[in-house]
Amino acid sequence: ADDKYTDKYDKINLQEILENKRLLESYMDCVLGKGKCTPEGKELKDHLQEALETGCEKCTEAQEKGAETSIDYLIKNELEIWKELTAHSDPDDKWRKKYEDRAKAKGIVIPE
């Protein structure tokens, strides 16, 4: 399991973070380099880029589900945060469309 990310934070309550604007923005500020990071925020920041680019190939099952849940949530409910995240992490637009297409296939409408 050396090729997987740590499962130390797999039990984190993702829904609570996503649905709490203050918490969500705090994590995003960490990831985007605009604010302080909690230990779990730092872990996310350290691996997010690679996970997004590789389709989460080093993710545990819980992380894979969590990534999908988070991406879908951001696209559906926090599009500005999603756009800021993709502008920061995917300036060449290499993977954003893949995730948005997957969200659309689930019936999530993305305003142009």
Protein backbone atom coordinates (compact mmCIF):
# COMPACT_ATOMS: atom_id res chain seq x y z
CA ALA A 1 0.00 0.00 0.00
CA ASP A 2 3.05 2.27 -0.32
CA ASP A 3 1.68 3.60 -3.58
CA LYS A 4 -1.45 4.96 -1.86
CA TYR A 5 -1.90 8.27 -0.01
CA THR A 6 -2.18 8.06 3.77
CA ASP A 7 -5.59 6.96 5.00
CA LYS A 8 -5.13 9.00 8.17
CA TYR A 9 -7.93 11.42 7.22
CA ASP A 10 -10.27 8.98 5.45
CA LYS A 11 -12.85 9.22 8.23
CA ILE A 12 -13.15 13.01 7.99
CA ASN A 13 -16.73 14.27 7.68
CA LEU A 14 -16.57 15.61 4.15
CA GLN A 15 -20.24 16.63 3.97
CA GLU A 16 -19.77 18.84 7.04
CA ILE A 17 -16.85 20.62 5.37
CA LEU A 18 -18.58 21.00 2.01
CA GLU A 19 -21.78 22.36 3.54
CA ASN A 20 -20.01 24.80 5.88
CA LYS A 21 -18.94 27.78 3.77
CA ARG A 22 -16.40 28.97 6.35
CA LEU A 23 -14.73 25.55 6.60
CA LEU A 24 -14.83 25.02 2.84
CA GLU A 25 -13.27 28.42 2.15
CA SER A 26 -10.62 27.75 4.78
CA TYR A 27 -9.61 24.51 3.01
CA MET A 28 -9.68 26.24 -0.38
CA ASP A 29 -7.52 29.11 0.92
CA CYS A 30 -5.03 26.49 2.12
CA VAL A 31 -5.02 24.60 -1.19
CA LEU A 32 -4.75 27.81 -3.22
CA GLY A 33 -1.91 29.10 -1.04
CA LYS A 34 -3.98 32.02 0.29
CA GLY A 35 -4.27 30.96 3.91
CA LYS A 36 -3.07 28.73 6.72
CA CYS A 37 -3.41 24.96 6.49
CA THR A 38 -4.64 22.50 9.09
CA PRO A 39 -2.76 19.17 9.06
CA GLU A 40 -5.51 17.59 6.94
CA GLY A 41 -5.60 20.68 4.72
CA LYS A 42 -1.86 20.38 4.15
CA GLU A 43 -2.27 16.70 3.25
CA LEU A 44 -4.95 17.68 0.73
CA LYS A 45 -2.81 20.48 -0.68
CA ASP A 46 0.21 18.18 -1.01
CA HIS A 47 -1.64 15.57 -3.06
CA LEU A 48 -4.57 17.32 -4.73
CA GLN A 49 -2.76 18.28 -7.91
CA GLU A 50 -1.46 14.77 -8.54
CA ALA A 51 -4.77 13.16 -7.59
CA LEU A 52 -6.70 15.36 -10.02
CA GLU A 53 -4.21 14.80 -12.83
CA THR A 54 -4.03 11.03 -12.40
CA GLY A 55 -7.73 10.42 -11.79
CA CYS A 56 -6.97 9.63 -8.15
CA GLU A 57 -4.87 6.55 -8.89
CA LYS A 58 -3.09 6.68 -5.49
CA CYS A 59 -6.32 7.33 -3.59
CA THR A 60 -7.80 4.88 -1.14
CA GLU A 61 -11.39 3.87 -1.88
CA ALA A 62 -12.64 6.41 0.67
CA GLN A 63 -10.53 9.17 -0.92
CA GLU A 64 -11.78 8.30 -4.38
CA LYS A 65 -15.40 8.50 -3.23
CA GLY A 66 -14.61 11.69 -1.35
CA ALA A 67 -12.95 13.28 -4.36
CA GLU A 68 -15.93 12.49 -6.55
CA THR A 69 -18.36 13.77 -3.92
CA SER A 70 -16.34 16.96 -3.46
CA ILE A 71 -15.94 17.69 -7.16
CA ASP A 72 -19.63 17.08 -7.83
CA TYR A 73 -20.59 19.24 -4.85
CA LEU A 74 -18.33 22.12 -5.92
CA ILE A 75 -19.55 22.02 -9.53
CA LYS A 76 -23.20 21.90 -8.44
CA ASN A 77 -23.17 24.23 -5.42
CA GLU A 78 -19.93 26.24 -5.38
CA LEU A 79 -19.11 26.82 -9.03
CA GLU A 80 -16.98 29.90 -8.29
CA ILE A 81 -14.80 27.87 -5.91
CA TRP A 82 -14.54 25.08 -8.52
CA LYS A 83 -13.52 27.63 -11.17
CA GLU A 84 -10.91 29.14 -8.88
CA LEU A 85 -9.57 25.70 -8.00
CA THR A 86 -9.33 24.61 -11.64
CA ALA A 87 -7.79 27.93 -12.72
CA HIS A 88 -5.14 27.41 -10.04
CA SER A 89 -4.57 23.66 -10.45
CA ASP A 90 -5.35 23.17 -14.14
CA PRO A 91 -4.29 26.31 -16.03
CA ASP A 92 -3.91 24.32 -19.26
CA ASP A 93 -7.39 22.81 -18.92
CA LYS A 94 -6.06 19.25 -19.09
CA TRP A 95 -8.53 17.56 -16.74
CA ARG A 96 -11.29 20.03 -15.77
CA LYS A 97 -13.54 19.01 -18.65
CA LYS A 98 -13.28 15.31 -17.75
CA TYR A 99 -14.65 15.98 -14.27
CA GLU A 100 -17.32 18.37 -15.52
CA ASP A 101 -18.43 15.85 -18.16
CA ARG A 102 -18.70 13.20 -15.46
CA ALA A 103 -20.81 15.57 -13.34
CA LYS A 104 -23.03 16.37 -16.34
CA ALA A 105 -23.51 12.63 -16.95
CA LYS A 106 -24.92 12.46 -13.40
CA GLY A 107 -27.41 15.19 -14.23
CA ILE A 108 -25.52 18.12 -12.69
CA VAL A 109 -26.18 21.24 -14.73
CA ILE A 110 -23.20 23.52 -15.23
CA PRO A 111 -24.13 27.09 -16.17
CA GLU A 112 -21.94 28.40 -18.96
